[in-house]
Amino acid sequence: MRAIKYMDEEKMVKKAVKALIGELGPIEANRFISMPRKKRIESIKRHREWQRSLDKEKFFNKVFS
């Protein structure tokens, strides 16, 4: 098995920003970087919401077929 060598974080950030600016332009890249993140909902609440939207029969058929 080969060892994985990760890129230095500073170098990675510089390359990513350069790619964003190159693809989107400086204004849109800045807009993208400044976008607020969605607030994460607490995991139990998220799981309960998923359960409410679940079709139990479809789910069981998919998992156990």
PDB file of N, CA and C in Angstrom:
ATOM      1  N   MET A   1       0.841  -1.178   0.000  1.00  0.00           N
ATOM      2  CA  MET A   1       0.000   0.000   0.000  1.00  0.00           C
ATOM      3  C   MET A   1       0.887   1.242   0.000  1.00  0.00           C
ATOM      4  N   ARG A   2       0.511   2.234  -0.815  1.00  0.00           N
ATOM      5  CA  ARG A   2       1.301   3.456  -0.912  1.00  0.00           C
ATOM      6  C   ARG A   2       0.946   4.436   0.193  1.00  0.00           C
ATOM      7  N   ALA A   3       1.937   5.155   0.643  1.00  0.00           N
ATOM      8  CA  ALA A   3       1.699   6.202   1.645  1.00  0.00           C
ATOM      9  C   ALA A   3       1.124   7.419   0.941  1.00  0.00           C
ATOM     10  N   ILE A   4       0.184   8.068   1.588  1.00  0.00           N
ATOM     11  CA  ILE A   4      -0.442   9.264   1.033  1.00  0.00           C
ATOM     12  C   ILE A   4       0.260  10.485   1.605  1.00  0.00           C
ATOM     13  N   LYS A   5       0.656  11.376   0.708  1.00  0.00           N
ATOM     14  CA  LYS A   5       1.314  12.597   1.148  1.00  0.00           C
ATOM     15  C   LYS A   5       0.368  13.767   0.864  1.00  0.00           C
ATOM     16  N   TYR A   6      -0.005  14.475   1.921  1.00  0.00           N
ATOM     17  CA  TYR A   6      -0.917  15.597   1.772  1.00  0.00           C
ATOM     18  C   TYR A   6      -0.161  16.876   1.450  1.00  0.00           C
ATOM     19  N   MET A   7      -0.830  17.740   0.725  1.00  0.00           N
ATOM     20  CA  MET A   7      -0.270  19.035   0.370  1.00  0.00           C
ATOM     21  C   MET A   7      -0.266  19.928   1.618  1.00  0.00           C
ATOM     22  N   ASP A   8       0.717  20.786   1.724  1.00  0.00           N
ATOM     23  CA  ASP A   8       0.781  21.762   2.808  1.00  0.00           C
ATOM     24  C   ASP A   8      -0.498  22.607   2.768  1.00  0.00           C
ATOM     25  N   GLU A   9      -1.098  22.885   3.938  1.00  0.00           N
ATOM     26  CA  GLU A   9      -2.374  23.607   3.992  1.00  0.00           C
ATOM     27  C   GLU A   9      -2.305  24.978   3.350  1.00  0.00           C
ATOM     28  N   GLU A  10      -1.234  25.701   3.607  1.00  0.00           N
ATOM     29  CA  GLU A  10      -1.106  27.047   3.035  1.00  0.00           C
ATOM     30  C   GLU A  10      -1.065  26.979   1.506  1.00  0.00           C
ATOM     31  N   LYS A  11      -0.323  26.022   0.982  1.00  0.00           N
ATOM     32  CA  LYS A  11      -0.222  25.844  -0.466  1.00  0.00           C
ATOM     33  C   LYS A  11      -1.588  25.448  -1.041  1.00  0.00           C
ATOM     34  N   MET A  12      -2.300  24.581  -0.334  1.00  0.00           N
ATOM     35  CA  MET A  12      -3.604  24.131  -0.787  1.00  0.00           C
ATOM     36  C   MET A  12      -4.587  25.304  -0.847  1.00  0.00           C
ATOM     37  N   VAL A  13      -4.604  26.144   0.188  1.00  0.00           N
ATOM     38  CA  VAL A  13      -5.515  27.292   0.224  1.00  0.00           C
ATOM     39  C   VAL A  13      -5.186  28.258  -0.916  1.00  0.00           C
ATOM     40  N   LYS A  14      -3.908  28.518  -1.123  1.00  0.00           N
ATOM     41  CA  LYS A  14      -3.509  29.432  -2.201  1.00  0.00           C
ATOM     42  C   LYS A  14      -3.954  28.904  -3.565  1.00  0.00           C
ATOM     43  N   LYS A  15      -3.782  27.604  -3.800  1.00  0.00           N
ATOM     44  CA  LYS A  15      -4.197  27.012  -5.078  1.00  0.00           C
ATOM     45  C   LYS A  15      -5.706  27.063  -5.251  1.00  0.00           C
ATOM     46  N   ALA A  16      -6.429  26.815  -4.154  1.00  0.00           N
ATOM     47  CA  ALA A  16      -7.894  26.823  -4.215  1.00  0.00           C
ATOM     48  C   ALA A  16      -8.422  28.223  -4.508  1.00  0.00           C
ATOM     49  N   VAL A  17      -7.856  29.227  -3.843  1.00  0.00           N
ATOM     50  CA  VAL A  17      -8.292  30.610  -4.072  1.00  0.00           C
ATOM     51  C   VAL A  17      -7.948  31.038  -5.495  1.00  0.00           C
ATOM     52  N   LYS A  18      -6.788  30.656  -5.958  1.00  0.00           N
ATOM     53  CA  LYS A  18      -6.385  30.988  -7.335  1.00  0.00           C
ATOM     54  C   LYS A  18      -7.348  30.352  -8.345  1.00  0.00           C
ATOM     55  N   ALA A  19      -7.730  29.102  -8.091  1.00  0.00           N
ATOM     56  CA  ALA A  19      -8.673  28.413  -8.977  1.00  0.00           C
ATOM     57  C   ALA A  19     -10.046  29.091  -8.943  1.00  0.00           C
ATOM     58  N   LEU A  20     -10.505  29.456  -7.752  1.00  0.00           N
ATOM     59  CA  LEU A  20     -11.794  30.144  -7.633  1.00  0.00           C
ATOM     60  C   LEU A  20     -11.785  31.468  -8.389  1.00  0.00           C
ATOM     61  N   ILE A  21     -10.746  32.254  -8.174  1.00  0.00           N
ATOM     62  CA  ILE A  21     -10.658  33.550  -8.845  1.00  0.00           C
ATOM     63  C   ILE A  21     -10.547  33.359 -10.353  1.00  0.00           C
ATOM     64  N   GLY A  22      -9.792  32.372 -10.774  1.00  0.00           N
ATOM     65  CA  GLY A  22      -9.641  32.103 -12.202  1.00  0.00           C
ATOM     66  C   GLY A  22     -10.947  31.673 -12.852  1.00  0.00           C
ATOM     67  N   GLU A  23     -11.754  30.920 -12.138  1.00  0.00           N
ATOM     68  CA  GLU A  23     -13.001  30.397 -12.692  1.00  0.00           C
ATOM     69  C   GLU A  23     -14.171  31.366 -12.523  1.00  0.00           C
ATOM     70  N   LEU A  24     -14.260  32.007 -11.358  1.00  0.00           N
ATOM     71  CA  LEU A  24     -15.416  32.858 -11.065  1.00  0.00           C
ATOM     72  C   LEU A  24     -15.140  34.349 -11.218  1.00  0.00           C
ATOM     73  N   GLY A  25     -13.890  34.726 -11.144  1.00  0.00           N
ATOM     74  CA  GLY A  25     -13.544  36.144 -11.105  1.00  0.00           C
ATOM     75  C   GLY A  25     -13.439  36.580  -9.650  1.00  0.00           C
ATOM     76  N   PRO A  26     -12.758  37.706  -9.397  1.00  0.00           N
ATOM     77  CA  PRO A  26     -12.488  38.100  -8.012  1.00  0.00           C
ATOM     78  C   PRO A  26     -13.742  38.437  -7.196  1.00  0.00           C
ATOM     79  N   ILE A  27     -14.731  39.066  -7.816  1.00  0.00           N
ATOM     80  CA  ILE A  27     -15.921  39.463  -7.059  1.00  0.00           C
ATOM     81  C   ILE A  27     -16.751  38.242  -6.673  1.00  0.00           C
ATOM     82  N   GLU A  28     -17.014  37.368  -7.643  1.00  0.00           N
ATOM     83  CA  GLU A  28     -17.822  36.176  -7.348  1.00  0.00           C
ATOM     84  C   GLU A  28     -17.073  35.213  -6.430  1.00  0.00           C
ATOM     85  N   ALA A  29     -15.763  35.123  -6.566  1.00  0.00           N
ATOM     86  CA  ALA A  29     -14.977  34.260  -5.669  1.00  0.00           C
ATOM     87  C   ALA A  29     -15.080  34.775  -4.241  1.00  0.00           C
ATOM     88  N   ASN A  30     -14.982  36.084  -4.070  1.00  0.00           N
ATOM     89  CA  ASN A  30     -15.111  36.674  -2.739  1.00  0.00           C
ATOM     90  C   ASN A  30     -16.517  36.449  -2.189  1.00  0.00           C
ATOM     91  N   ARG A  31     -17.512  36.589  -3.044  1.00  0.00           N
ATOM     92  CA  ARG A  31     -18.892  36.332  -2.632  1.00  0.00           C
ATOM     93  C   ARG A  31     -19.061  34.889  -2.163  1.00  0.00           C
ATOM     94  N   PHE A  32     -18.469  33.958  -2.908  1.00  0.00           N
ATOM     95  CA  PHE A  32     -18.546  32.535  -2.550  1.00  0.00           C
ATOM     96  C   PHE A  32     -17.876  32.276  -1.204  1.00  0.00           C
ATOM     97  N   ILE A  33     -16.686  32.821  -1.019  1.00  0.00           N
ATOM     98  CA  ILE A  33     -15.937  32.614   0.225  1.00  0.00           C
ATOM     99  C   ILE A  33     -16.693  33.216   1.414  1.00  0.00           C
ATOM    100  N   SER A  34     -17.401  34.324   1.188  1.00  0.00           N
ATOM    101  CA  SER A  34     -18.099  35.026   2.269  1.00  0.00           C
ATOM    102  C   SER A  34     -19.495  34.481   2.567  1.00  0.00           C
ATOM    103  N   MET A  35     -19.957  33.517   1.794  1.00  0.00           N
ATOM    104  CA  MET A  35     -21.318  32.996   2.002  1.00  0.00           C
ATOM    105  C   MET A  35     -21.447  32.394   3.401  1.00  0.00           C
ATOM    106  N   PRO A  36     -22.524  32.728   4.087  1.00  0.00           N
ATOM    107  CA  PRO A  36     -22.717  32.127   5.412  1.00  0.00           C
ATOM    108  C   PRO A  36     -23.052  30.646   5.276  1.00  0.00           C
ATOM    109  N   ARG A  37     -22.555  29.871   6.196  1.00  0.00           N
ATOM    110  CA  ARG A  37     -22.861  28.439   6.181  1.00  0.00           C
ATOM    111  C   ARG A  37     -24.234  28.210   6.767  1.00  0.00           C
ATOM    112  N   LYS A  38     -24.893  27.161   6.263  1.00  0.00           N
ATOM    113  CA  LYS A  38     -26.172  26.791   6.846  1.00  0.00           C
ATOM    114  C   LYS A  38     -25.933  26.325   8.269  1.00  0.00           C
ATOM    115  N   LYS A  39     -26.799  26.743   9.148  1.00  0.00           N
ATOM    116  CA  LYS A  39     -26.681  26.307  10.525  1.00  0.00           C
ATOM    117  C   LYS A  39     -27.072  24.832  10.593  1.00  0.00           C
ATOM    118  N   ARG A  40     -26.199  24.039  11.175  1.00  0.00           N
ATOM    119  CA  ARG A  40     -26.470  22.606  11.280  1.00  0.00           C
ATOM    120  C   ARG A  40     -27.487  22.351  12.372  1.00  0.00           C
ATOM    121  N   ILE A  41     -28.419  21.475  12.057  1.00  0.00           N
ATOM    122  CA  ILE A  41     -29.374  21.110  13.096  1.00  0.00           C
ATOM    123  C   ILE A  41     -28.796  19.980  13.922  1.00  0.00           C
ATOM    124  N   GLU A  42     -29.211  19.923  15.127  1.00  0.00           N
ATOM    125  CA  GLU A  42     -28.726  18.926  16.067  1.00  0.00           C
ATOM    126  C   GLU A  42     -29.062  17.534  15.524  1.00  0.00           C
ATOM    127  N   SER A  43     -28.180  16.574  15.728  1.00  0.00           N
ATOM    128  CA  SER A  43     -28.284  15.273  15.063  1.00  0.00           C
ATOM    129  C   SER A  43     -29.555  14.496  15.398  1.00  0.00           C
ATOM    130  N   ILE A  44     -30.024  14.560  16.629  1.00  0.00           N
ATOM    131  CA  ILE A  44     -31.247  13.816  16.979  1.00  0.00           C
ATOM    132  C   ILE A  44     -32.447  14.436  16.275  1.00  0.00           C
ATOM    133  N   LYS A  45     -32.494  15.764  16.226  1.00  0.00           N
ATOM    134  CA  LYS A  45     -33.585  16.444  15.531  1.00  0.00           C
ATOM    135  C   LYS A  45     -33.553  16.099  14.043  1.00  0.00           C
ATOM    136  N   ARG A  46     -32.349  16.083  13.460  1.00  0.00           N
ATOM    137  CA  ARG A  46     -32.194  15.750  12.044  1.00  0.00           C
ATOM    138  C   ARG A  46     -32.661  14.316  11.787  1.00  0.00           C
ATOM    139  N   HIS A  47     -32.315  13.409  12.685  1.00  0.00           N
ATOM    140  CA  HIS A  47     -32.711  12.009  12.528  1.00  0.00           C
ATOM    141  C   HIS A  47     -34.235  11.864  12.624  1.00  0.00           C
ATOM    142  N   ARG A  48     -34.855  12.575  13.566  1.00  0.00           N
ATOM    143  CA  ARG A  48     -36.316  12.508  13.713  1.00  0.00           C
ATOM    144  C   ARG A  48     -37.021  13.075  12.488  1.00  0.00           C
ATOM    145  N   GLU A  49     -36.480  14.148  11.914  1.00  0.00           N
ATOM    146  CA  GLU A  49     -37.062  14.705  10.682  1.00  0.00           C
ATOM    147  C   GLU A  49     -36.948  13.695   9.545  1.00  0.00           C
ATOM    148  N   TRP A  50     -35.809  13.019   9.459  1.00  0.00           N
ATOM    149  CA  TRP A  50     -35.623  11.984   8.435  1.00  0.00           C
ATOM    150  C   TRP A  50     -36.635  10.860   8.642  1.00  0.00           C
ATOM    151  N   GLN A  51     -36.835  10.425   9.881  1.00  0.00           N
ATOM    152  CA  GLN A  51     -37.790   9.361  10.172  1.00  0.00           C
ATOM    153  C   GLN A  51     -39.206   9.758   9.775  1.00  0.00           C
ATOM    154  N   ARG A  52     -39.590  11.014  10.041  1.00  0.00           N
ATOM    155  CA  ARG A  52     -40.932  11.481   9.685  1.00  0.00           C
ATOM    156  C   ARG A  52     -41.174  11.426   8.184  1.00  0.00           C
ATOM    157  N   SER A  53     -40.148  11.703   7.396  1.00  0.00           N
ATOM    158  CA  SER A  53     -40.314  11.731   5.940  1.00  0.00           C
ATOM    159  C   SER A  53     -40.131  10.353   5.300  1.00  0.00           C
ATOM    160  N   LEU A  54     -39.804   9.366   6.096  1.00  0.00           N
ATOM    161  CA  LEU A  54     -39.483   8.037   5.581  1.00  0.00           C
ATOM    162  C   LEU A  54     -40.733   7.228   5.267  1.00  0.00           C
ATOM    163  N   ASP A  55     -40.741   6.584   4.112  1.00  0.00           N
ATOM    164  CA  ASP A  55     -41.779   5.609   3.780  1.00  0.00           C
ATOM    165  C   ASP A  55     -41.235   4.251   4.225  1.00  0.00           C
ATOM    166  N   LYS A  56     -41.765   3.758   5.329  1.00  0.00           N
ATOM    167  CA  LYS A  56     -41.226   2.563   5.978  1.00  0.00           C
ATOM    168  C   LYS A  56     -41.214   1.352   5.037  1.00  0.00           C
ATOM    169  N   GLU A  57     -42.292   1.125   4.317  1.00  0.00           N
ATOM    170  CA  GLU A  57     -42.368  -0.036   3.418  1.00  0.00           C
ATOM    171  C   GLU A  57     -41.305   0.047   2.318  1.00  0.00           C
ATOM    172  N   LYS A  58     -41.187   1.210   1.684  1.00  0.00           N
ATOM    173  CA  LYS A  58     -40.179   1.392   0.636  1.00  0.00           C
ATOM    174  C   LYS A  58     -38.773   1.166   1.186  1.00  0.00           C
ATOM    175  N   PHE A  59     -38.528   1.750   2.366  1.00  0.00           N
ATOM    176  CA  PHE A  59     -37.203   1.632   2.983  1.00  0.00           C
ATOM    177  C   PHE A  59     -36.862   0.166   3.278  1.00  0.00           C
ATOM    178  N   PHE A  60     -37.784  -0.563   3.899  1.00  0.00           N
ATOM    179  CA  PHE A  60     -37.531  -1.971   4.220  1.00  0.00           C
ATOM    180  C   PHE A  60     -37.345  -2.811   2.959  1.00  0.00           C
ATOM    181  N   ASN A  61     -38.150  -2.536   1.937  1.00  0.00           N
ATOM    182  CA  ASN A  61     -38.009  -3.282   0.677  1.00  0.00           C
ATOM    183  C   ASN A  61     -36.648  -3.026   0.036  1.00  0.00           C
ATOM    184  N   LYS A  62     -36.202  -1.787   0.098  1.00  0.00           N
ATOM    185  CA  LYS A  62     -34.905  -1.444  -0.487  1.00  0.00           C
ATOM    186  C   LYS A  62     -33.746  -2.086   0.296  1.00  0.00           C
ATOM    187  N   VAL A  63     -33.828  -2.064   1.610  1.00  0.00           N
ATOM    188  CA  VAL A  63     -32.749  -2.570   2.453  1.00  0.00           C
ATOM    189  C   VAL A  63     -32.714  -4.091   2.495  1.00  0.00           C
ATOM    190  N   PHE A  64     -33.862  -4.712   2.602  1.00  0.00           N
ATOM    191  CA  PHE A  64     -33.913  -6.152   2.821  1.00  0.00           C
ATOM    192  C   PHE A  64     -34.250  -6.979   1.587  1.00  0.00           C
ATOM    193  N   SER A  65     -34.257  -6.362   0.406  1.00  0.00           N
ATOM    194  CA  SER A  65     -34.550  -7.123  -0.819  1.00  0.00           C
ATOM    195  C   SER A  65     -33.306  -7.699  -1.425  1.00  0.00           C
TER     196      SER A  65
END
